[in-house]
Amino acid sequence: MQCRVATPGGNYREKLAELEQFAKTHRRPPSPEAKDRHEKTLAAWVRVNVAAKSYLAKVIELIYRTHRADQHHAQRIAAGRLNGLVAFIATTGRAPRIDSPNDREVTLAKWAAEYSRYPERTYAAQVTRVLATAGQR
């Protein structure tokens, strides 16, 4: 099945509309491994905006949640990051710090702080407990 989204390069409102239509139709996030050029482009746009932690990341998450496209995808991402947090604390004996010179540690610290802020998220309680074991909460 071919992805029906507009041509690449649209503004953010057009891209969000494309993403919403895609999620509504396919019940999954667009794949960067897709054969369809438009789906691949949309997946790259989503990845860039989510990785940049832009305000659009929250809108994207809401679109996925509304259309239940994020259930498995978002849970896999959160579970992977939670495992990374546990591994970091096990290795270093402390929670990641936002003021660290290590970019990966900063990213992990920001994710943990942001993710645990919303108790309705799947792993929020676990993230809070893991940070507490490191003496951060």
C-alpha atoms as a PDB file:
ATOM      1  CA  MET A   1       0.000   0.000   0.000  1.00  0.00           C
ATOM      2  CA  GLN A   2       1.379   3.355  -0.952  1.00  0.00           C
ATOM      3  CA  CYS A   3       1.527   6.136   1.593  1.00  0.00           C
ATOM      4  CA  ARG A   4      -0.702   9.050   0.666  1.00  0.00           C
ATOM      5  CA  VAL A   5       1.006  12.155   1.935  1.00  0.00           C
ATOM      6  CA  ALA A   6       1.820  15.418   0.253  1.00  0.00           C
ATOM      7  CA  THR A   7       5.142  16.128  -1.357  1.00  0.00           C
ATOM      8  CA  PRO A   8       8.134  16.681   0.939  1.00  0.00           C
ATOM      9  CA  GLY A   9       9.101  20.162   2.062  1.00  0.00           C
ATOM     10  CA  GLY A  10       5.760  21.395   3.363  1.00  0.00           C
ATOM     11  CA  ASN A  11       5.528  23.616   6.384  1.00  0.00           C
ATOM     12  CA  TYR A  12       5.048  22.146   9.835  1.00  0.00           C
ATOM     13  CA  ARG A  13       1.241  22.361   9.772  1.00  0.00           C
ATOM     14  CA  GLU A  14       1.138  20.416   6.524  1.00  0.00           C
ATOM     15  CA  LYS A  15       3.570  17.849   7.923  1.00  0.00           C
ATOM     16  CA  LEU A  16       1.499  17.442  11.089  1.00  0.00           C
ATOM     17  CA  ALA A  17      -1.618  16.953   8.950  1.00  0.00           C
ATOM     18  CA  GLU A  18       0.245  14.360   6.872  1.00  0.00           C
ATOM     19  CA  LEU A  19       1.392  12.591  10.007  1.00  0.00           C
ATOM     20  CA  GLU A  20      -2.107  12.599  11.458  1.00  0.00           C
ATOM     21  CA  GLN A  21      -3.521  11.139   8.239  1.00  0.00           C
ATOM     22  CA  PHE A  22      -0.773   8.519   8.157  1.00  0.00           C
ATOM     23  CA  ALA A  23      -1.321   7.509  11.801  1.00  0.00           C
ATOM     24  CA  LYS A  24      -5.076   7.390  11.285  1.00  0.00           C
ATOM     25  CA  THR A  25      -4.748   5.222   8.190  1.00  0.00           C
ATOM     26  CA  HIS A  26      -1.911   2.882   9.184  1.00  0.00           C
ATOM     27  CA  ARG A  27      -2.152   2.879  13.014  1.00  0.00           C
ATOM     28  CA  ARG A  28       1.623   3.095  13.262  1.00  0.00           C
ATOM     29  CA  PRO A  29       4.388   5.671  12.963  1.00  0.00           C
ATOM     30  CA  PRO A  30       5.935   6.154   9.518  1.00  0.00           C
ATOM     31  CA  SER A  31       8.959   3.942   8.950  1.00  0.00           C
ATOM     32  CA  PRO A  32      12.370   5.186   7.824  1.00  0.00           C
ATOM     33  CA  GLU A  33      12.834   1.753   6.200  1.00  0.00           C
ATOM     34  CA  ALA A  34       9.723   2.071   4.028  1.00  0.00           C
ATOM     35  CA  LYS A  35       9.910   1.651   0.285  1.00  0.00           C
ATOM     36  CA  ASP A  36       7.510   4.530  -0.190  1.00  0.00           C
ATOM     37  CA  ARG A  37       9.483   7.755  -0.607  1.00  0.00           C
ATOM     38  CA  HIS A  38       6.878   9.942   1.079  1.00  0.00           C
ATOM     39  CA  GLU A  39       6.610   7.690   4.134  1.00  0.00           C
ATOM     40  CA  LYS A  40      10.389   7.676   4.441  1.00  0.00           C
ATOM     41  CA  THR A  41      10.490  11.489   4.226  1.00  0.00           C
ATOM     42  CA  LEU A  42       7.734  11.825   6.816  1.00  0.00           C
ATOM     43  CA  ALA A  43       9.579   9.415   9.141  1.00  0.00           C
ATOM     44  CA  ALA A  44      12.751  11.499   8.797  1.00  0.00           C
ATOM     45  CA  TRP A  45      10.810  14.687   9.599  1.00  0.00           C
ATOM     46  CA  VAL A  46       9.321  13.060  12.711  1.00  0.00           C
ATOM     47  CA  ARG A  47      12.734  11.745  13.815  1.00  0.00           C
ATOM     48  CA  VAL A  48      14.383  15.165  13.478  1.00  0.00           C
ATOM     49  CA  ASN A  49      11.638  16.966  15.408  1.00  0.00           C
ATOM     50  CA  VAL A  50      11.473  14.368  18.171  1.00  0.00           C
ATOM     51  CA  ALA A  51      15.273  14.180  18.498  1.00  0.00           C
ATOM     52  CA  ALA A  52      15.506  17.984  18.628  1.00  0.00           C
ATOM     53  CA  LYS A  53      12.934  17.951  21.455  1.00  0.00           C
ATOM     54  CA  SER A  54      11.103  20.705  19.604  1.00  0.00           C
ATOM     55  CA  TYR A  55       7.638  21.702  20.732  1.00  0.00           C
ATOM     56  CA  LEU A  56       6.394  19.652  17.785  1.00  0.00           C
ATOM     57  CA  ALA A  57       7.539  16.488  19.580  1.00  0.00           C
ATOM     58  CA  LYS A  58       4.625  16.856  22.014  1.00  0.00           C
ATOM     59  CA  VAL A  59       2.186  17.412  19.157  1.00  0.00           C
ATOM     60  CA  ILE A  60       3.565  14.329  17.394  1.00  0.00           C
ATOM     61  CA  GLU A  61       3.178  12.282  20.572  1.00  0.00           C
ATOM     62  CA  LEU A  62      -0.420  13.496  20.909  1.00  0.00           C
ATOM     63  CA  ILE A  63      -1.191  12.511  17.302  1.00  0.00           C
ATOM     64  CA  TYR A  64       0.205   9.025  17.908  1.00  0.00           C
ATOM     65  CA  ARG A  65      -1.718   8.699  21.165  1.00  0.00           C
ATOM     66  CA  THR A  66      -4.968   9.877  19.562  1.00  0.00           C
ATOM     67  CA  HIS A  67      -4.708   7.307  16.794  1.00  0.00           C
ATOM     68  CA  ARG A  68      -3.115   4.631  18.972  1.00  0.00           C
ATOM     69  CA  ALA A  69      -0.182   4.550  16.618  1.00  0.00           C
ATOM     70  CA  ASP A  70       2.331   4.910  19.405  1.00  0.00           C
ATOM     71  CA  GLN A  71       1.453   1.987  21.623  1.00  0.00           C
ATOM     72  CA  HIS A  72       4.252  -0.367  20.707  1.00  0.00           C
ATOM     73  CA  HIS A  73       6.651   2.112  19.123  1.00  0.00           C
ATOM     74  CA  ALA A  74       6.663   4.608  22.002  1.00  0.00           C
ATOM     75  CA  GLN A  75       6.821   1.836  24.590  1.00  0.00           C
ATOM     76  CA  ARG A  76       9.875   0.321  22.890  1.00  0.00           C
ATOM     77  CA  ILE A  77      11.602   3.696  22.844  1.00  0.00           C
ATOM     78  CA  ALA A  78      10.775   4.400  26.500  1.00  0.00           C
ATOM     79  CA  ALA A  79      11.804   0.885  27.562  1.00  0.00           C
ATOM     80  CA  GLY A  80      15.130   1.282  25.758  1.00  0.00           C
ATOM     81  CA  ARG A  81      15.796   4.619  27.415  1.00  0.00           C
ATOM     82  CA  LEU A  82      14.784   3.237  30.811  1.00  0.00           C
ATOM     83  CA  ASN A  83      17.236   0.373  30.320  1.00  0.00           C
ATOM     84  CA  GLY A  84      19.899   2.918  29.366  1.00  0.00           C
ATOM     85  CA  LEU A  85      19.154   4.868  32.542  1.00  0.00           C
ATOM     86  CA  VAL A  86      19.449   1.735  34.679  1.00  0.00           C
ATOM     87  CA  ALA A  87      22.722   0.797  32.976  1.00  0.00           C
ATOM     88  CA  PHE A  88      24.111   4.298  33.467  1.00  0.00           C
ATOM     89  CA  ILE A  89      23.293   4.288  37.186  1.00  0.00           C
ATOM     90  CA  ALA A  90      24.665   0.756  37.608  1.00  0.00           C
ATOM     91  CA  THR A  91      27.909   1.770  35.910  1.00  0.00           C
ATOM     92  CA  THR A  92      28.467   5.163  37.503  1.00  0.00           C
ATOM     93  CA  GLY A  93      26.575   4.817  40.792  1.00  0.00           C
ATOM     94  CA  ARG A  94      24.789   8.121  40.207  1.00  0.00           C
ATOM     95  CA  ALA A  95      21.991   9.616  38.149  1.00  0.00           C
ATOM     96  CA  PRO A  96      22.863  11.376  34.893  1.00  0.00           C
ATOM     97  CA  ARG A  97      23.439  15.131  35.201  1.00  0.00           C
ATOM     98  CA  ILE A  98      22.229  17.864  32.902  1.00  0.00           C
ATOM     99  CA  ASP A  99      25.444  19.861  33.456  1.00  0.00           C
ATOM    100  CA  SER A 100      27.704  17.016  32.321  1.00  0.00           C
ATOM    101  CA  PRO A 101      30.184  17.563  29.466  1.00  0.00           C
ATOM    102  CA  ASN A 102      29.038  14.214  28.019  1.00  0.00           C
ATOM    103  CA  ASP A 103      26.219  14.839  25.490  1.00  0.00           C
ATOM    104  CA  ARG A 104      24.800  11.348  25.912  1.00  0.00           C
ATOM    105  CA  GLU A 105      24.541  11.799  29.674  1.00  0.00           C
ATOM    106  CA  VAL A 106      22.860  15.187  29.224  1.00  0.00           C
ATOM    107  CA  THR A 107      20.333  13.687  26.802  1.00  0.00           C
ATOM    108  CA  LEU A 108      19.570  10.854  29.215  1.00  0.00           C
ATOM    109  CA  ALA A 109      19.175  13.274  32.138  1.00  0.00           C
ATOM    110  CA  LYS A 110      16.822  15.516  30.171  1.00  0.00           C
ATOM    111  CA  TRP A 111      14.760  12.540  29.008  1.00  0.00           C
ATOM    112  CA  ALA A 112      14.443  11.134  32.543  1.00  0.00           C
ATOM    113  CA  ALA A 113      13.399  14.499  33.988  1.00  0.00           C
ATOM    114  CA  GLU A 114      10.870  15.171  31.236  1.00  0.00           C
ATOM    115  CA  TYR A 115       9.482  11.621  31.080  1.00  0.00           C
ATOM    116  CA  SER A 116       8.945  11.253  34.825  1.00  0.00           C
ATOM    117  CA  ARG A 117       7.097  14.581  34.919  1.00  0.00           C
ATOM    118  CA  TYR A 118       3.974  12.937  33.418  1.00  0.00           C
ATOM    119  CA  PRO A 119       2.681  10.133  35.671  1.00  0.00           C
ATOM    120  CA  GLU A 120       0.313   8.802  33.002  1.00  0.00           C
ATOM    121  CA  ARG A 121       3.234   7.661  30.850  1.00  0.00           C
ATOM    122  CA  THR A 122       3.896   3.941  30.802  1.00  0.00           C
ATOM    123  CA  TYR A 123       7.239   3.889  32.607  1.00  0.00           C
ATOM    124  CA  ALA A 124       7.054   7.155  34.590  1.00  0.00           C
ATOM    125  CA  ALA A 125       6.856   5.411  37.974  1.00  0.00           C
ATOM    126  CA  GLN A 126       9.808   3.174  37.111  1.00  0.00           C
ATOM    127  CA  VAL A 127      11.922   6.133  35.965  1.00  0.00           C
ATOM    128  CA  THR A 128      11.124   7.936  39.222  1.00  0.00           C
ATOM    129  CA  ARG A 129      12.076   4.854  41.269  1.00  0.00           C
ATOM    130  CA  VAL A 130      15.325   4.347  39.343  1.00  0.00           C
ATOM    131  CA  LEU A 131      16.298   7.981  39.900  1.00  0.00           C
ATOM    132  CA  ALA A 132      15.437   7.609  43.592  1.00  0.00           C
ATOM    133  CA  THR A 133      17.854   4.688  43.891  1.00  0.00           C
ATOM    134  CA  ALA A 134      20.557   7.028  42.664  1.00  0.00           C
ATOM    135  CA  GLY A 135      19.619   9.608  45.293  1.00  0.00           C
ATOM    136  CA  GLN A 136      18.211  12.119  42.829  1.00  0.00           C
ATOM    137  CA  ARG A 137      14.611  12.464  44.014  1.00  0.00           C
END
